[in-house]
C-alpha cells in the first residue's frame, strides 16, 4: 500500500492523515477484530516508518484567523520509491503517460504536479480510463476526464472548482474528495448524493460561504476539513 506514494515525486511531502485516508478509500485496509480502520492505518504507518519505508516525519503547524491546524508529514524513501515503481504498473504521473513511459490501460492511480493542460496530449487515451481509482492533484481536470463519468473513482483531489458541477464526482464509489485551495463559493446539493464519501477536504477555500443542509444525511462522512475557510457563514 505504500506504493500509492510512488506515483508522486520523490520529494513530495504527504500528510499522515491524508495517506491513511487514501489507503482506506482504496480498500487497502480492512477491518480486523475490534480495531477501527483509522487505528489500523495508524499502526501500519508506524510500522512503515520503523522500517524506513517512510521518512522525514515531522509536525507542521499552520494558523488562520486564530485557528490552529497541526499535521504530521512524511516522505517516501527514495530507494523504496524506485522499488515500488519497478514492481507495479498501476501508478503513474500524467507526464509519464505523455512520454509513454506507462500504459494507460494498466494505470489505476494517476497524479500530476503540473497544470493538466498537458493532459490534452493524451486526451484520446484518457476517455478509456474507466478503471482509474485515484486522480490526484490536477490544477485543471482534462475535458475527457470531466466527460467520462469515472464510475470506479475512489479518490479525487482537484483544485479546479468547476469539477463539483461535473458528473465525474457523482460516482457511487467515491470515498475521498479534496477541493482544498480551490475558488469554490458554495457546495452544491449534489454533493449529498455521494453516499459512500468518507473524507471531504476543503482547506484554505477562502471564498467558500455555504455548505448544503443535506450534508447531515451523509452517514459515512467521517472527516471534514474546513481550516482557513474564513468566509464560511454557517454549518449545516
C-alpha atoms as a PDB file:
ATOM      1  CA  UNK A   1       0.000   0.000   0.000  1.00  0.00           C
ATOM      2  CA  UNK A   2       2.989   2.330   0.419  1.00  0.00           C
ATOM      3  CA  UNK A   3       3.217   2.081  -3.365  1.00  0.00           C
ATOM      4  CA  UNK A   4       0.486   4.738  -3.545  1.00  0.00           C
ATOM      5  CA  UNK A   5       3.221   7.306  -2.920  1.00  0.00           C
ATOM      6  CA  UNK A   6       5.309   6.143  -5.870  1.00  0.00           C
ATOM      7  CA  UNK A   7       3.041   7.977  -8.315  1.00  0.00           C
ATOM      8  CA  UNK A   8       4.180  11.215  -6.659  1.00  0.00           C
ATOM      9  CA  UNK A   9       7.579  12.866  -6.933  1.00  0.00           C
ATOM     10  CA  UNK A  10      10.299  11.612  -4.610  1.00  0.00           C
ATOM     11  CA  UNK A  11      10.415  14.809  -2.585  1.00  0.00           C
ATOM     12  CA  UNK A  12       6.632  15.101  -2.194  1.00  0.00           C
ATOM     13  CA  UNK A  13       5.512  15.508   1.423  1.00  0.00           C
ATOM     14  CA  UNK A  14       2.276  13.741   2.313  1.00  0.00           C
ATOM     15  CA  UNK A  15       0.260  14.302   5.476  1.00  0.00           C
ATOM     16  CA  UNK A  16      -0.071  11.168   7.567  1.00  0.00           C
ATOM     17  CA  UNK A  17      -3.852  11.533   7.908  1.00  0.00           C
ATOM     18  CA  UNK A  18      -4.181  12.025   4.152  1.00  0.00           C
ATOM     19  CA  UNK A  19      -2.143   8.903   3.445  1.00  0.00           C
ATOM     20  CA  UNK A  20      -4.206   6.772   5.826  1.00  0.00           C
ATOM     21  CA  UNK A  21      -7.468   8.071   4.381  1.00  0.00           C
ATOM     22  CA  UNK A  22      -6.229   7.286   0.853  1.00  0.00           C
ATOM     23  CA  UNK A  23      -5.426   3.729   1.941  1.00  0.00           C
ATOM     24  CA  UNK A  24      -8.909   3.331   3.398  1.00  0.00           C
ATOM     25  CA  UNK A  25     -10.623   4.886   0.368  1.00  0.00           C
ATOM     26  CA  UNK A  26      -8.863   2.443  -1.954  1.00  0.00           C
ATOM     27  CA  UNK A  27      -9.677  -0.557   0.219  1.00  0.00           C
ATOM     28  CA  UNK A  28      -6.056  -1.237   1.149  1.00  0.00           C
ATOM     29  CA  UNK A  29      -7.025  -1.523   4.830  1.00  0.00           C
ATOM     30  CA  UNK A  30      -9.623  -3.994   6.076  1.00  0.00           C
ATOM     31  CA  UNK A  31     -11.257  -4.080   9.498  1.00  0.00           C
ATOM     32  CA  UNK A  32      -9.730  -6.568  11.895  1.00  0.00           C
ATOM     33  CA  UNK A  33     -11.466  -7.549  15.115  1.00  0.00           C
ATOM     34  CA  UNK A  34     -12.344  -4.511  17.210  1.00  0.00           C
ATOM     35  CA  UNK A  35      -9.707  -2.287  15.589  1.00  0.00           C
ATOM     36  CA  UNK A  36     -11.145   0.588  13.549  1.00  0.00           C
ATOM     37  CA  UNK A  37      -9.780   1.280  10.069  1.00  0.00           C
ATOM     38  CA  UNK A  38      -8.113   4.531  11.165  1.00  0.00           C
ATOM     39  CA  UNK A  39      -6.463   2.800  14.124  1.00  0.00           C
ATOM     40  CA  UNK A  40      -5.160   0.064  11.858  1.00  0.00           C
ATOM     41  CA  UNK A  41      -3.904   2.716   9.457  1.00  0.00           C
ATOM     42  CA  UNK A  42      -2.009   4.412  12.287  1.00  0.00           C
ATOM     43  CA  UNK A  43      -0.408   1.079  13.173  1.00  0.00           C
ATOM     44  CA  UNK A  44       0.609   0.431   9.559  1.00  0.00           C
ATOM     45  CA  UNK A  45       2.031   3.957   9.275  1.00  0.00           C
ATOM     46  CA  UNK A  46       4.192   3.469  12.371  1.00  0.00           C
ATOM     47  CA  UNK A  47       5.416   0.139  11.007  1.00  0.00           C
ATOM     48  CA  UNK A  48       6.399   1.685   7.656  1.00  0.00           C
ATOM     49  CA  UNK A  49       8.288   4.449   9.490  1.00  0.00           C
ATOM     50  CA  UNK A  50      10.115   1.889  11.654  1.00  0.00           C
ATOM     51  CA  UNK A  51      11.118   0.014   8.508  1.00  0.00           C
ATOM     52  CA  UNK A  52      12.339   3.295   6.944  1.00  0.00           C
ATOM     53  CA  UNK A  53       9.895   2.971   4.045  1.00  0.00           C
ATOM     54  CA  UNK A  54       8.612   6.369   5.139  1.00  0.00           C
ATOM     55  CA  UNK A  55      10.960   9.050   6.455  1.00  0.00           C
ATOM     56  CA  UNK A  56      11.364  12.745   7.293  1.00  0.00           C
ATOM     57  CA  UNK A  57       8.392  12.510   9.643  1.00  0.00           C
ATOM     58  CA  UNK A  58       7.740  15.902  11.194  1.00  0.00           C
ATOM     59  CA  UNK A  59       4.923  18.005  12.582  1.00  0.00           C
ATOM     60  CA  UNK A  60       3.846  21.201  10.857  1.00  0.00           C
ATOM     61  CA  UNK A  61       1.591  23.848  12.360  1.00  0.00           C
ATOM     62  CA  UNK A  62      -0.480  26.416  10.439  1.00  0.00           C
ATOM     63  CA  UNK A  63      -2.565  29.328  11.729  1.00  0.00           C
ATOM     64  CA  UNK A  64      -5.520  31.200  10.221  1.00  0.00           C
ATOM     65  CA  UNK A  65      -7.669  33.799  11.998  1.00  0.00           C
ATOM     66  CA  UNK A  66      -6.886  32.322  15.386  1.00  0.00           C
ATOM     67  CA  UNK A  67      -7.379  28.733  14.191  1.00  0.00           C
ATOM     68  CA  UNK A  68      -4.565  26.241  14.637  1.00  0.00           C
ATOM     69  CA  UNK A  69      -4.010  23.321  12.257  1.00  0.00           C
ATOM     70  CA  UNK A  70      -1.463  20.656  13.118  1.00  0.00           C
ATOM     71  CA  UNK A  71      -0.462  17.793  10.838  1.00  0.00           C
ATOM     72  CA  UNK A  72       2.266  15.167  10.621  1.00  0.00           C
ATOM     73  CA  UNK A  73       4.045  14.999   7.278  1.00  0.00           C
ATOM     74  CA  UNK A  74       6.273  12.327   5.748  1.00  0.00           C
ATOM     75  CA  UNK A  75       8.112  11.397   2.565  1.00  0.00           C
ATOM     76  CA  UNK A  76       8.790   8.094   0.877  1.00  0.00           C
ATOM     77  CA  UNK A  77      12.361   6.783   0.963  1.00  0.00           C
ATOM     78  CA  UNK A  78      13.993   7.231  -2.457  1.00  0.00           C
ATOM     79  CA  UNK A  79      15.009   3.567  -2.724  1.00  0.00           C
ATOM     80  CA  UNK A  80      11.514   2.410  -1.776  1.00  0.00           C
ATOM     81  CA  UNK A  81      10.110   4.818  -4.362  1.00  0.00           C
ATOM     82  CA  UNK A  82      12.269   3.242  -7.087  1.00  0.00           C
ATOM     83  CA  UNK A  83      11.403  -0.279  -5.932  1.00  0.00           C
ATOM     84  CA  UNK A  84       7.682   0.430  -5.907  1.00  0.00           C
ATOM     85  CA  UNK A  85       7.853   1.808  -9.445  1.00  0.00           C
ATOM     86  CA  UNK A  86       9.612  -1.366 -10.590  1.00  0.00           C
ATOM     87  CA  UNK A  87       7.112  -3.841  -9.129  1.00  0.00           C
ATOM     88  CA  UNK A  88       3.818  -2.308 -10.270  1.00  0.00           C
ATOM     89  CA  UNK A  89       2.333  -0.652 -13.344  1.00  0.00           C
ATOM     90  CA  UNK A  90      -0.712   0.694 -11.512  1.00  0.00           C
ATOM     91  CA  UNK A  91       0.805   4.052 -10.513  1.00  0.00           C
ATOM     92  CA  UNK A  92       1.822   6.806 -12.933  1.00  0.00           C
ATOM     93  CA  UNK A  93       2.025  10.541 -13.423  1.00  0.00           C
ATOM     94  CA  UNK A  94       0.328  12.199 -16.368  1.00  0.00           C
ATOM     95  CA  UNK A  95       3.799  13.211 -17.533  1.00  0.00           C
ATOM     96  CA  UNK A  96       4.824   9.538 -17.723  1.00  0.00           C
ATOM     97  CA  UNK A  97       1.726   8.809 -19.785  1.00  0.00           C
ATOM     98  CA  UNK A  98       2.538  11.662 -22.159  1.00  0.00           C
ATOM     99  CA  UNK A  99       6.084  10.348 -22.549  1.00  0.00           C
ATOM    100  CA  UNK A 100       4.664   6.818 -22.992  1.00  0.00           C
ATOM    101  CA  UNK A 101       6.613   5.522 -20.004  1.00  0.00           C
ATOM    102  CA  UNK A 102       3.385   3.963 -18.710  1.00  0.00           C
ATOM    103  CA  UNK A 103       0.393   2.292 -20.358  1.00  0.00           C
ATOM    104  CA  UNK A 104      -2.944   3.971 -19.686  1.00  0.00           C
ATOM    105  CA  UNK A 105      -4.788   0.631 -19.601  1.00  0.00           C
ATOM    106  CA  UNK A 106      -2.680  -0.525 -16.629  1.00  0.00           C
ATOM    107  CA  UNK A 107      -2.911   2.645 -14.543  1.00  0.00           C
ATOM    108  CA  UNK A 108      -5.206   2.751 -11.505  1.00  0.00           C
ATOM    109  CA  UNK A 109      -3.728   5.735  -9.668  1.00  0.00           C
ATOM    110  CA  UNK A 110      -2.731   8.877 -11.576  1.00  0.00           C
ATOM    111  CA  UNK A 111      -1.292  12.192 -10.481  1.00  0.00           C
ATOM    112  CA  UNK A 112       0.488  15.296 -11.714  1.00  0.00           C
ATOM    113  CA  UNK A 113       2.464  18.142 -10.225  1.00  0.00           C
ATOM    114  CA  UNK A 114       1.932  20.431 -13.211  1.00  0.00           C
ATOM    115  CA  UNK A 115      -1.019  22.002 -14.999  1.00  0.00           C
ATOM    116  CA  UNK A 116      -3.308  19.451 -16.559  1.00  0.00           C
ATOM    117  CA  UNK A 117      -3.398  21.342 -19.837  1.00  0.00           C
ATOM    118  CA  UNK A 118      -0.607  18.914 -20.736  1.00  0.00           C
ATOM    119  CA  UNK A 119      -3.072  16.081 -20.325  1.00  0.00           C
ATOM    120  CA  UNK A 120      -4.778  17.009 -23.578  1.00  0.00           C
ATOM    121  CA  UNK A 121      -1.761  15.430 -25.296  1.00  0.00           C
ATOM    122  CA  UNK A 122      -3.207  12.071 -24.260  1.00  0.00           C
ATOM    123  CA  UNK A 123      -6.865  13.045 -24.462  1.00  0.00           C
ATOM    124  CA  UNK A 124      -7.762  10.187 -26.797  1.00  0.00           C
ATOM    125  CA  UNK A 125      -6.489   7.690 -24.238  1.00  0.00           C
ATOM    126  CA  UNK A 126      -7.955   9.377 -21.167  1.00  0.00           C
ATOM    127  CA  UNK A 127     -11.509   8.712 -22.268  1.00  0.00           C
ATOM    128  CA  UNK A 128     -10.859   4.990 -21.841  1.00  0.00           C
ATOM    129  CA  UNK A 129      -9.544   5.194 -18.266  1.00  0.00           C
ATOM    130  CA  UNK A 130     -12.627   3.628 -16.723  1.00  0.00           C
ATOM    131  CA  UNK A 131     -10.513   1.631 -14.264  1.00  0.00           C
ATOM    132  CA  UNK A 132      -8.971   4.672 -12.568  1.00  0.00           C
ATOM    133  CA  UNK A 133      -9.251   4.630  -8.779  1.00  0.00           C
ATOM    134  CA  UNK A 134      -7.259   7.757  -7.905  1.00  0.00           C
ATOM    135  CA  UNK A 135      -6.845  11.132  -9.619  1.00  0.00           C
ATOM    136  CA  UNK A 136      -4.545  13.288  -7.524  1.00  0.00           C
ATOM    137  CA  UNK A 137      -3.614  16.984  -7.614  1.00  0.00           C
ATOM    138  CA  UNK A 138      -4.695  18.242 -11.056  1.00  0.00           C
ATOM    139  CA  UNK A 139      -4.926  22.030 -11.322  1.00  0.00           C
ATOM    140  CA  UNK A 140      -7.436  21.703 -14.162  1.00  0.00           C
ATOM    141  CA  UNK A 141      -9.214  18.470 -14.985  1.00  0.00           C
ATOM    142  CA  UNK A 142      -8.915  17.474 -18.666  1.00  0.00           C
ATOM    143  CA  UNK A 143     -12.098  17.617 -20.737  1.00  0.00           C
ATOM    144  CA  UNK A 144     -12.206  13.899 -21.437  1.00  0.00           C
ATOM    145  CA  UNK A 145     -11.956  13.050 -17.758  1.00  0.00           C
ATOM    146  CA  UNK A 146     -14.738  15.517 -16.980  1.00  0.00           C
ATOM    147  CA  UNK A 147     -16.994  13.881 -19.535  1.00  0.00           C
ATOM    148  CA  UNK A 148     -16.108  10.275 -18.845  1.00  0.00           C
ATOM    149  CA  UNK A 149     -18.063   9.744 -15.645  1.00  0.00           C
ATOM    150  CA  UNK A 150     -15.434   7.655 -13.895  1.00  0.00           C
ATOM    151  CA  UNK A 151     -17.699   5.301 -12.003  1.00  0.00           C
ATOM    152  CA  UNK A 152     -14.788   3.405 -10.461  1.00  0.00           C
ATOM    153  CA  UNK A 153     -13.132   6.519  -8.987  1.00  0.00           C
ATOM    154  CA  UNK A 154     -12.443   6.267  -5.242  1.00  0.00           C
ATOM    155  CA  UNK A 155     -10.213   9.306  -4.753  1.00  0.00           C
ATOM    156  CA  UNK A 156     -10.309  12.745  -6.361  1.00  0.00           C
ATOM    157  CA  UNK A 157      -8.056  15.589  -5.304  1.00  0.00           C
ATOM    158  CA  UNK A 158      -8.536  18.601  -7.574  1.00  0.00           C
ATOM    159  CA  UNK A 159      -8.015  22.362  -7.413  1.00  0.00           C
ATOM    160  CA  UNK A 160     -10.491  23.031 -10.231  1.00  0.00           C
ATOM    161  CA  UNK A 161     -13.739  24.308  -8.600  1.00  0.00           C
ATOM    162  CA  UNK A 162     -15.787  23.563 -11.727  1.00  0.00           C
ATOM    163  CA  UNK A 163     -15.427  19.863 -11.002  1.00  0.00           C
ATOM    164  CA  UNK A 164     -18.224  19.964  -8.416  1.00  0.00           C
ATOM    165  CA  UNK A 165     -20.760  20.563 -11.193  1.00  0.00           C
ATOM    166  CA  UNK A 166     -19.479  17.679 -13.281  1.00  0.00           C
ATOM    167  CA  UNK A 167     -20.545  14.069 -13.466  1.00  0.00           C
ATOM    168  CA  UNK A 168     -17.052  12.837 -12.639  1.00  0.00           C
ATOM    169  CA  UNK A 169     -17.725  13.271  -8.901  1.00  0.00           C
ATOM    170  CA  UNK A 170     -21.131  11.633  -8.983  1.00  0.00           C
ATOM    171  CA  UNK A 171     -19.697   8.144  -8.758  1.00  0.00           C
ATOM    172  CA  UNK A 172     -21.233   5.932  -6.119  1.00  0.00           C
ATOM    173  CA  UNK A 173     -17.792   4.632  -5.164  1.00  0.00           C
ATOM    174  CA  UNK A 174     -16.139   7.999  -4.394  1.00  0.00           C
ATOM    175  CA  UNK A 175     -14.798   7.933  -0.849  1.00  0.00           C
ATOM    176  CA  UNK A 176     -12.283  10.788  -0.749  1.00  0.00           C
ATOM    177  CA  UNK A 177     -12.785  14.266  -2.227  1.00  0.00           C
ATOM    178  CA  UNK A 178     -10.268  17.084  -1.789  1.00  0.00           C
ATOM    179  CA  UNK A 179     -11.105  20.524  -3.204  1.00  0.00           C
ATOM    180  CA  UNK A 180      -8.669  22.425  -0.982  1.00  0.00           C
ATOM    181  CA  UNK A 181      -7.257  25.747  -2.189  1.00  0.00           C
ATOM    182  CA  UNK A 182      -9.935  25.973  -4.872  1.00  0.00           C
ATOM    183  CA  UNK A 183     -12.069  29.048  -5.576  1.00  0.00           C
ATOM    184  CA  UNK A 184     -15.305  27.286  -4.717  1.00  0.00           C
ATOM    185  CA  UNK A 185     -18.001  29.588  -3.278  1.00  0.00           C
ATOM    186  CA  UNK A 186     -20.732  27.137  -2.313  1.00  0.00           C
ATOM    187  CA  UNK A 187     -21.024  23.374  -2.334  1.00  0.00           C
ATOM    188  CA  UNK A 188     -23.928  22.117  -4.484  1.00  0.00           C
ATOM    189  CA  UNK A 189     -26.673  19.898  -3.082  1.00  0.00           C
ATOM    190  CA  UNK A 190     -25.488  17.119  -5.387  1.00  0.00           C
ATOM    191  CA  UNK A 191     -22.555  16.516  -3.044  1.00  0.00           C
ATOM    192  CA  UNK A 192     -25.047  14.937  -0.648  1.00  0.00           C
ATOM    193  CA  UNK A 193     -25.645  12.096  -3.119  1.00  0.00           C
ATOM    194  CA  UNK A 194     -22.107  10.815  -2.550  1.00  0.00           C
ATOM    195  CA  UNK A 195     -23.341   8.277  -0.037  1.00  0.00           C
ATOM    196  CA  UNK A 196     -20.011   6.498   0.377  1.00  0.00           C
ATOM    197  CA  UNK A 197     -17.920   9.649   0.836  1.00  0.00           C
ATOM    198  CA  UNK A 198     -15.729   9.301   3.926  1.00  0.00           C
ATOM    199  CA  UNK A 199     -13.384  12.295   3.668  1.00  0.00           C
ATOM    200  CA  UNK A 200     -14.131  15.802   2.392  1.00  0.00           C
ATOM    201  CA  UNK A 201     -11.296  18.320   2.433  1.00  0.00           C
ATOM    202  CA  UNK A 202     -11.988  21.992   1.808  1.00  0.00           C
ATOM    203  CA  UNK A 203      -8.913  23.510   3.451  1.00  0.00           C
ATOM    204  CA  UNK A 204      -7.981  27.069   2.512  1.00  0.00           C
ATOM    205  CA  UNK A 205     -11.109  27.603   0.394  1.00  0.00           C
ATOM    206  CA  UNK A 206     -11.209  31.257   1.398  1.00  0.00           C
ATOM    207  CA  UNK A 207     -14.269  32.059  -0.764  1.00  0.00           C
ATOM    208  CA  UNK A 208     -16.432  29.194   0.490  1.00  0.00           C
ATOM    209  CA  UNK A 209     -19.623  30.570   2.040  1.00  0.00           C
ATOM    210  CA  UNK A 210     -22.161  27.763   2.291  1.00  0.00           C
ATOM    211  CA  UNK A 211     -22.406  24.018   2.762  1.00  0.00           C
ATOM    212  CA  UNK A 212     -25.635  22.212   1.774  1.00  0.00           C
ATOM    213  CA  UNK A 213     -28.093  21.368   4.549  1.00  0.00           C
ATOM    214  CA  UNK A 214     -28.331  17.797   3.292  1.00  0.00           C
ATOM    215  CA  UNK A 215     -24.777  17.048   4.389  1.00  0.00           C
ATOM    216  CA  UNK A 216     -26.193  15.966   7.729  1.00  0.00           C
ATOM    217  CA  UNK A 217     -27.529  12.838   5.966  1.00  0.00           C
ATOM    218  CA  UNK A 218     -24.092  11.736   4.755  1.00  0.00           C
ATOM    219  CA  UNK A 219     -23.769   8.941   7.287  1.00  0.00           C
ATOM    220  CA  UNK A 220     -20.379   7.662   6.115  1.00  0.00           C
ATOM    221  CA  UNK A 221     -18.692  11.079   6.161  1.00  0.00           C
ATOM    222  CA  UNK A 222     -16.093  10.858   8.927  1.00  0.00           C
ATOM    223  CA  UNK A 223     -13.534  13.542   8.073  1.00  0.00           C
ATOM    224  CA  UNK A 224     -14.469  17.133   7.192  1.00  0.00           C
ATOM    225  CA  UNK A 225     -11.621  19.664   6.895  1.00  0.00           C
ATOM    226  CA  UNK A 226     -12.538  23.355   6.888  1.00  0.00           C
ATOM    227  CA  UNK A 227      -9.298  25.008   8.003  1.00  0.00           C
ATOM    228  CA  UNK A 228      -8.927  28.591   6.713  1.00  0.00           C
ATOM    229  CA  UNK A 229     -12.442  28.697   5.232  1.00  0.00           C
ATOM    230  CA  UNK A 230     -12.782  32.203   6.629  1.00  0.00           C
ATOM    231  CA  UNK A 231     -15.880  33.162   4.596  1.00  0.00           C
ATOM    232  CA  UNK A 232     -17.967  30.191   5.727  1.00  0.00           C
ATOM    233  CA  UNK A 233     -21.178  31.586   7.196  1.00  0.00           C
ATOM    234  CA  UNK A 234     -22.698  28.546   8.888  1.00  0.00           C
ATOM    235  CA  UNK A 235     -22.586  24.785   9.258  1.00  0.00           C
ATOM    236  CA  UNK A 236     -25.445  22.513   8.101  1.00  0.00           C
END
